[in-house]
Amino acid sequence: MPPINSADQATEKAVQFLKRHFAFQQPKSAKQVNGEWIVKVNVGLFFEQIATVTIDAKSGEVTAYDA
C-alpha cells in the first residue's frame, strides 16, 4: 500500500476501514504522531461514539482501531 502523506489521506483510509463495521462515519480529527496517523471518527448514529484508527504512515496499513 502507498504511504499516507496527509491528514486527508489518513481520514479517507480510516473511513473506508470503518465502513466495514459501522453504517455512520463522521471524521473528527487526524494527526500524525511518531510515524503513525491517529484518526478519530464519530461512528454513533444517535449519540457520539468515537472510534480511533491508527495507520502506519509509511506502509498505509491500519495497525489498530478501538471503537
PDB file of N, CA and C in Angstrom:
ATOM      1  N   MET A   1       0.843  -1.186   0.000  1.00  0.00           N
ATOM      2  CA  MET A   1       0.000   0.000   0.000  1.00  0.00           C
ATOM      3  C   MET A   1       0.884   1.244   0.000  1.00  0.00           C
ATOM      4  N   PRO A   2       0.403   2.290  -0.603  1.00  0.00           N
ATOM      5  CA  PRO A   2       1.192   3.525  -0.639  1.00  0.00           C
ATOM      6  C   PRO A   2       1.237   4.214   0.724  1.00  0.00           C
ATOM      7  N   PRO A   3       2.275   5.007   0.944  1.00  0.00           N
ATOM      8  CA  PRO A   3       2.357   5.734   2.218  1.00  0.00           C
ATOM      9  C   PRO A   3       1.237   6.772   2.341  1.00  0.00           C
ATOM     10  N   ILE A   4       0.925   7.123   3.564  1.00  0.00           N
ATOM     11  CA  ILE A   4      -0.087   8.136   3.857  1.00  0.00           C
ATOM     12  C   ILE A   4       0.663   9.425   4.181  1.00  0.00           C
ATOM     13  N   ASN A   5       0.486  10.450   3.332  1.00  0.00           N
ATOM     14  CA  ASN A   5       1.247  11.685   3.458  1.00  0.00           C
ATOM     15  C   ASN A   5       0.463  12.879   3.984  1.00  0.00           C
ATOM     16  N   SER A   6      -0.850  12.740   4.116  1.00  0.00           N
ATOM     17  CA  SER A   6      -1.641  13.896   4.555  1.00  0.00           C
ATOM     18  C   SER A   6      -2.790  13.449   5.453  1.00  0.00           C
ATOM     19  N   ALA A   7      -3.328  14.398   6.183  1.00  0.00           N
ATOM     20  CA  ALA A   7      -4.475  14.118   7.046  1.00  0.00           C
ATOM     21  C   ALA A   7      -5.678  13.692   6.222  1.00  0.00           C
ATOM     22  N   ASP A   8      -5.837  14.260   5.033  1.00  0.00           N
ATOM     23  CA  ASP A   8      -6.952  13.867   4.157  1.00  0.00           C
ATOM     24  C   ASP A   8      -6.847  12.402   3.757  1.00  0.00           C
ATOM     25  N   GLN A   9      -5.646  11.966   3.392  1.00  0.00           N
ATOM     26  CA  GLN A   9      -5.448  10.561   3.026  1.00  0.00           C
ATOM     27  C   GLN A   9      -5.699   9.642   4.218  1.00  0.00           C
ATOM     28  N   ALA A  10      -5.214  10.028   5.375  1.00  0.00           N
ATOM     29  CA  ALA A  10      -5.411   9.216   6.578  1.00  0.00           C
ATOM     30  C   ALA A  10      -6.891   9.122   6.937  1.00  0.00           C
ATOM     31  N   THR A  11      -7.598  10.230   6.823  1.00  0.00           N
ATOM     32  CA  THR A  11      -9.030  10.246   7.128  1.00  0.00           C
ATOM     33  C   THR A  11      -9.797   9.354   6.168  1.00  0.00           C
ATOM     34  N   GLU A  12      -9.489   9.450   4.892  1.00  0.00           N
ATOM     35  CA  GLU A  12     -10.167   8.618   3.892  1.00  0.00           C
ATOM     36  C   GLU A  12      -9.918   7.133   4.161  1.00  0.00           C
ATOM     37  N   LYS A  13      -8.688   6.778   4.479  1.00  0.00           N
ATOM     38  CA  LYS A  13      -8.335   5.387   4.785  1.00  0.00           C
ATOM     39  C   LYS A  13      -9.108   4.897   6.011  1.00  0.00           C
ATOM     40  N   ALA A  14      -9.187   5.721   7.050  1.00  0.00           N
ATOM     41  CA  ALA A  14      -9.899   5.349   8.276  1.00  0.00           C
ATOM     42  C   ALA A  14     -11.389   5.168   8.015  1.00  0.00           C
ATOM     43  N   VAL A  15     -11.979   6.085   7.264  1.00  0.00           N
ATOM     44  CA  VAL A  15     -13.412   5.994   6.957  1.00  0.00           C
ATOM     45  C   VAL A  15     -13.695   4.732   6.143  1.00  0.00           C
ATOM     46  N   GLN A  16     -12.873   4.451   5.140  1.00  0.00           N
ATOM     47  CA  GLN A  16     -13.058   3.239   4.339  1.00  0.00           C
ATOM     48  C   GLN A  16     -12.965   1.990   5.214  1.00  0.00           C
ATOM     49  N   PHE A  17     -12.028   1.966   6.139  1.00  0.00           N
ATOM     50  CA  PHE A  17     -11.882   0.839   7.056  1.00  0.00           C
ATOM     51  C   PHE A  17     -13.131   0.696   7.936  1.00  0.00           C
ATOM     52  N   LEU A  18     -13.612   1.798   8.488  1.00  0.00           N
ATOM     53  CA  LEU A  18     -14.741   1.750   9.413  1.00  0.00           C
ATOM     54  C   LEU A  18     -16.059   1.430   8.725  1.00  0.00           C
ATOM     55  N   LYS A  19     -16.166   1.665   7.430  1.00  0.00           N
ATOM     56  CA  LYS A  19     -17.397   1.338   6.695  1.00  0.00           C
ATOM     57  C   LYS A  19     -17.709  -0.154   6.774  1.00  0.00           C
ATOM     58  N   ARG A  20     -16.708  -0.975   6.983  1.00  0.00           N
ATOM     59  CA  ARG A  20     -16.924  -2.417   7.116  1.00  0.00           C
ATOM     60  C   ARG A  20     -17.626  -2.774   8.423  1.00  0.00           C
ATOM     61  N   HIS A  21     -17.553  -1.877   9.408  1.00  0.00           N
ATOM     62  CA  HIS A  21     -18.060  -2.182  10.745  1.00  0.00           C
ATOM     63  C   HIS A  21     -19.213  -1.285  11.189  1.00  0.00           C
ATOM     64  N   PHE A  22     -19.326  -0.089  10.607  1.00  0.00           N
ATOM     65  CA  PHE A  22     -20.315   0.889  11.060  1.00  0.00           C
ATOM     66  C   PHE A  22     -21.017   1.547   9.869  1.00  0.00           C
ATOM     67  N   ALA A  23     -22.306   1.821  10.034  1.00  0.00           N
ATOM     68  CA  ALA A  23     -23.087   2.435   8.960  1.00  0.00           C
ATOM     69  C   ALA A  23     -22.867   3.947   8.873  1.00  0.00           C
ATOM     70  N   PHE A  24     -22.414   4.562   9.949  1.00  0.00           N
ATOM     71  CA  PHE A  24     -22.256   6.020  10.005  1.00  0.00           C
ATOM     72  C   PHE A  24     -20.819   6.356  10.347  1.00  0.00           C
ATOM     73  N   GLN A  25     -20.234   7.323   9.623  1.00  0.00           N
ATOM     74  CA  GLN A  25     -18.883   7.793   9.904  1.00  0.00           C
ATOM     75  C   GLN A  25     -18.827   9.314   9.729  1.00  0.00           C
ATOM     76  N   GLN A  26     -18.379  10.005  10.757  1.00  0.00           N
ATOM     77  CA  GLN A  26     -18.182  11.450  10.704  1.00  0.00           C
ATOM     78  C   GLN A  26     -16.792  11.752  11.250  1.00  0.00           C
ATOM     79  N   PRO A  27     -15.824  12.061  10.377  1.00  0.00           N
ATOM     80  CA  PRO A  27     -14.460  12.337  10.836  1.00  0.00           C
ATOM     81  C   PRO A  27     -14.427  13.513  11.815  1.00  0.00           C
ATOM     82  N   LYS A  28     -13.610  13.361  12.857  1.00  0.00           N
ATOM     83  CA  LYS A  28     -13.466  14.399  13.873  1.00  0.00           C
ATOM     84  C   LYS A  28     -12.072  15.002  13.888  1.00  0.00           C
ATOM     85  N   SER A  29     -11.019  14.162  13.769  1.00  0.00           N
ATOM     86  CA  SER A  29      -9.661  14.689  13.798  1.00  0.00           C
ATOM     87  C   SER A  29      -8.688  13.673  13.211  1.00  0.00           C
ATOM     88  N   ALA A  30      -7.545  14.201  12.780  1.00  0.00           N
ATOM     89  CA  ALA A  30      -6.449  13.355  12.284  1.00  0.00           C
ATOM     90  C   ALA A  30      -5.145  14.063  12.608  1.00  0.00           C
ATOM     91  N   LYS A  31      -4.200  13.305  13.180  1.00  0.00           N
ATOM     92  CA  LYS A  31      -2.893  13.890  13.469  1.00  0.00           C
ATOM     93  C   LYS A  31      -1.824  12.816  13.326  1.00  0.00           C
ATOM     94  N   GLN A  32      -0.628  13.245  12.988  1.00  0.00           N
ATOM     95  CA  GLN A  32       0.492  12.329  12.836  1.00  0.00           C
ATOM     96  C   GLN A  32       1.366  12.409  14.083  1.00  0.00           C
ATOM     97  N   VAL A  33       1.637  11.242  14.664  1.00  0.00           N
ATOM     98  CA  VAL A  33       2.454  11.153  15.871  1.00  0.00           C
ATOM     99  C   VAL A  33       3.423   9.985  15.694  1.00  0.00           C
ATOM    100  N   ASN A  34       4.711  10.289  15.726  1.00  0.00           N
ATOM    101  CA  ASN A  34       5.751   9.249  15.670  1.00  0.00           C
ATOM    102  C   ASN A  34       5.566   8.265  14.516  1.00  0.00           C
ATOM    103  N   GLY A  35       5.304   8.776  13.332  1.00  0.00           N
ATOM    104  CA  GLY A  35       5.200   7.918  12.158  1.00  0.00           C
ATOM    105  C   GLY A  35       3.879   7.193  11.997  1.00  0.00           C
ATOM    106  N   GLU A  36       2.896   7.541  12.822  1.00  0.00           N
ATOM    107  CA  GLU A  36       1.569   6.946  12.713  1.00  0.00           C
ATOM    108  C   GLU A  36       0.519   8.042  12.637  1.00  0.00           C
ATOM    109  N   TRP A  37      -0.519   7.769  11.872  1.00  0.00           N
ATOM    110  CA  TRP A  37      -1.667   8.663  11.837  1.00  0.00           C
ATOM    111  C   TRP A  37      -2.692   8.152  12.836  1.00  0.00           C
ATOM    112  N   ILE A  38      -3.204   9.057  13.662  1.00  0.00           N
ATOM    113  CA  ILE A  38      -4.256   8.742  14.625  1.00  0.00           C
ATOM    114  C   ILE A  38      -5.488   9.507  14.160  1.00  0.00           C
ATOM    115  N   VAL A  39      -6.503   8.771  13.749  1.00  0.00           N
ATOM    116  CA  VAL A  39      -7.721   9.379  13.201  1.00  0.00           C
ATOM    117  C   VAL A  39      -8.885   9.042  14.116  1.00  0.00           C
ATOM    118  N   LYS A  40      -9.625  10.063  14.505  1.00  0.00           N
ATOM    119  CA  LYS A  40     -10.810   9.879  15.354  1.00  0.00           C
ATOM    120  C   LYS A  40     -12.047  10.149  14.501  1.00  0.00           C
ATOM    121  N   VAL A  41     -12.991   9.204  14.571  1.00  0.00           N
ATOM    122  CA  VAL A  41     -14.198   9.268  13.744  1.00  0.00           C
ATOM    123  C   VAL A  41     -15.405   8.960  14.631  1.00  0.00           C
ATOM    124  N   ASN A  42     -16.436   9.792  14.527  1.00  0.00           N
ATOM    125  CA  ASN A  42     -17.688   9.515  15.226  1.00  0.00           C
ATOM    126  C   ASN A  42     -18.429   8.450  14.415  1.00  0.00           C
ATOM    127  N   VAL A  43     -18.743   7.318  15.046  1.00  0.00           N
ATOM    128  CA  VAL A  43     -19.467   6.241  14.369  1.00  0.00           C
ATOM    129  C   VAL A  43     -20.852   6.021  14.972  1.00  0.00           C
ATOM    130  N   GLY A  44     -21.246   6.873  15.910  1.00  0.00           N
ATOM    131  CA  GLY A  44     -22.550   6.745  16.567  1.00  0.00           C
ATOM    132  C   GLY A  44     -23.616   7.485  15.791  1.00  0.00           C
ATOM    133  N   LEU A  45     -24.666   6.794  15.424  1.00  0.00           N
ATOM    134  CA  LEU A  45     -25.736   7.406  14.650  1.00  0.00           C
ATOM    135  C   LEU A  45     -26.606   8.320  15.507  1.00  0.00           C
ATOM    136  N   PHE A  46     -26.970   7.878  16.708  1.00  0.00           N
ATOM    137  CA  PHE A  46     -27.866   8.648  17.568  1.00  0.00           C
ATOM    138  C   PHE A  46     -27.157   9.346  18.718  1.00  0.00           C
ATOM    139  N   PHE A  47     -25.976   8.888  19.074  1.00  0.00           N
ATOM    140  CA  PHE A  47     -25.170   9.537  20.097  1.00  0.00           C
ATOM    141  C   PHE A  47     -23.713   9.402  19.677  1.00  0.00           C
ATOM    142  N   GLU A  48     -22.871  10.282  20.166  1.00  0.00           N
ATOM    143  CA  GLU A  48     -21.469  10.268  19.753  1.00  0.00           C
ATOM    144  C   GLU A  48     -20.741   9.046  20.303  1.00  0.00           C
ATOM    145  N   GLN A  49     -20.128   8.304  19.415  1.00  0.00           N
ATOM    146  CA  GLN A  49     -19.285   7.157  19.764  1.00  0.00           C
ATOM    147  C   GLN A  49     -18.019   7.300  18.916  1.00  0.00           C
ATOM    148  N   ILE A  50     -16.905   7.581  19.557  1.00  0.00           N
ATOM    149  CA  ILE A  50     -15.664   7.862  18.835  1.00  0.00           C
ATOM    150  C   ILE A  50     -14.862   6.580  18.623  1.00  0.00           C
ATOM    151  N   ALA A  51     -14.537   6.319  17.364  1.00  0.00           N
ATOM    152  CA  ALA A  51     -13.630   5.230  17.003  1.00  0.00           C
ATOM    153  C   ALA A  51     -12.272   5.857  16.701  1.00  0.00           C
ATOM    154  N   THR A  52     -11.213   5.233  17.185  1.00  0.00           N
ATOM    155  CA  THR A  52      -9.857   5.697  16.927  1.00  0.00           C
ATOM    156  C   THR A  52      -9.162   4.674  16.043  1.00  0.00           C
ATOM    157  N   VAL A  53      -8.657   5.135  14.894  1.00  0.00           N
ATOM    158  CA  VAL A  53      -7.975   4.269  13.937  1.00  0.00           C
ATOM    159  C   VAL A  53      -6.523   4.726  13.852  1.00  0.00           C
ATOM    160  N   THR A  54      -5.590   3.786  13.987  1.00  0.00           N
ATOM    161  CA  THR A  54      -4.165   4.078  13.883  1.00  0.00           C
ATOM    162  C   THR A  54      -3.649   3.487  12.574  1.00  0.00           C
ATOM    163  N   ILE A  55      -2.960   4.321  11.787  1.00  0.00           N
ATOM    164  CA  ILE A  55      -2.470   3.922  10.471  1.00  0.00           C
ATOM    165  C   ILE A  55      -0.974   4.196  10.402  1.00  0.00           C
ATOM    166  N   ASP A  56      -0.198   3.207   9.973  1.00  0.00           N
ATOM    167  CA  ASP A  56       1.236   3.385   9.781  1.00  0.00           C
ATOM    168  C   ASP A  56       1.448   4.308   8.581  1.00  0.00           C
ATOM    169  N   ALA A  57       2.155   5.415   8.778  1.00  0.00           N
ATOM    170  CA  ALA A  57       2.339   6.414   7.715  1.00  0.00           C
ATOM    171  C   ALA A  57       3.145   5.878   6.546  1.00  0.00           C
ATOM    172  N   LYS A  58       4.131   5.016   6.800  1.00  0.00           N
ATOM    173  CA  LYS A  58       4.981   4.505   5.731  1.00  0.00           C
ATOM    174  C   LYS A  58       4.294   3.432   4.899  1.00  0.00           C
ATOM    175  N   SER A  59       3.639   2.491   5.566  1.00  0.00           N
ATOM    176  CA  SER A  59       3.024   1.357   4.837  1.00  0.00           C
ATOM    177  C   SER A  59       1.587   1.617   4.420  1.00  0.00           C
ATOM    178  N   GLY A  60       0.903   2.530   5.117  1.00  0.00           N
ATOM    179  CA  GLY A  60      -0.504   2.792   4.827  1.00  0.00           C
ATOM    180  C   GLY A  60      -1.435   1.756   5.416  1.00  0.00           C
ATOM    181  N   GLU A  61      -0.904   0.865   6.252  1.00  0.00           N
ATOM    182  CA  GLU A  61      -1.701  -0.192   6.862  1.00  0.00           C
ATOM    183  C   GLU A  61      -2.371   0.287   8.161  1.00  0.00           C
ATOM    184  N   VAL A  62      -3.611  -0.141   8.358  1.00  0.00           N
ATOM    185  CA  VAL A  62      -4.274   0.093   9.638  1.00  0.00           C
ATOM    186  C   VAL A  62      -3.621  -0.845  10.643  1.00  0.00           C
ATOM    187  N   THR A  63      -3.056  -0.286  11.693  1.00  0.00           N
ATOM    188  CA  THR A  63      -2.354  -1.106  12.685  1.00  0.00           C
ATOM    189  C   THR A  63      -3.192  -1.354  13.937  1.00  0.00           C
ATOM    190  N   ALA A  64      -4.205  -0.500  14.160  1.00  0.00           N
ATOM    191  CA  ALA A  64      -5.066  -0.693  15.337  1.00  0.00           C
ATOM    192  C   ALA A  64      -6.326   0.141  15.184  1.00  0.00           C
ATOM    193  N   TYR A  65      -7.386  -0.322  15.850  1.00  0.00           N
ATOM    194  CA  TYR A  65      -8.570   0.523  15.968  1.00  0.00           C
ATOM    195  C   TYR A  65      -9.306   0.158  17.234  1.00  0.00           C
ATOM    196  N   ASP A  66     -10.005   1.154  17.766  1.00  0.00           N
ATOM    197  CA  ASP A  66     -10.743   0.997  19.005  1.00  0.00           C
ATOM    198  C   ASP A  66     -12.047   1.762  18.855  1.00  0.00           C
ATOM    199  N   ALA A  67     -13.144   1.091  19.142  1.00  0.00           N
ATOM    200  CA  ALA A  67     -14.431   1.766  18.977  1.00  0.00           C
ATOM    201  C   ALA A  67     -15.276   1.651  20.218  1.00  0.00           C
TER     202      ALA A  67
END
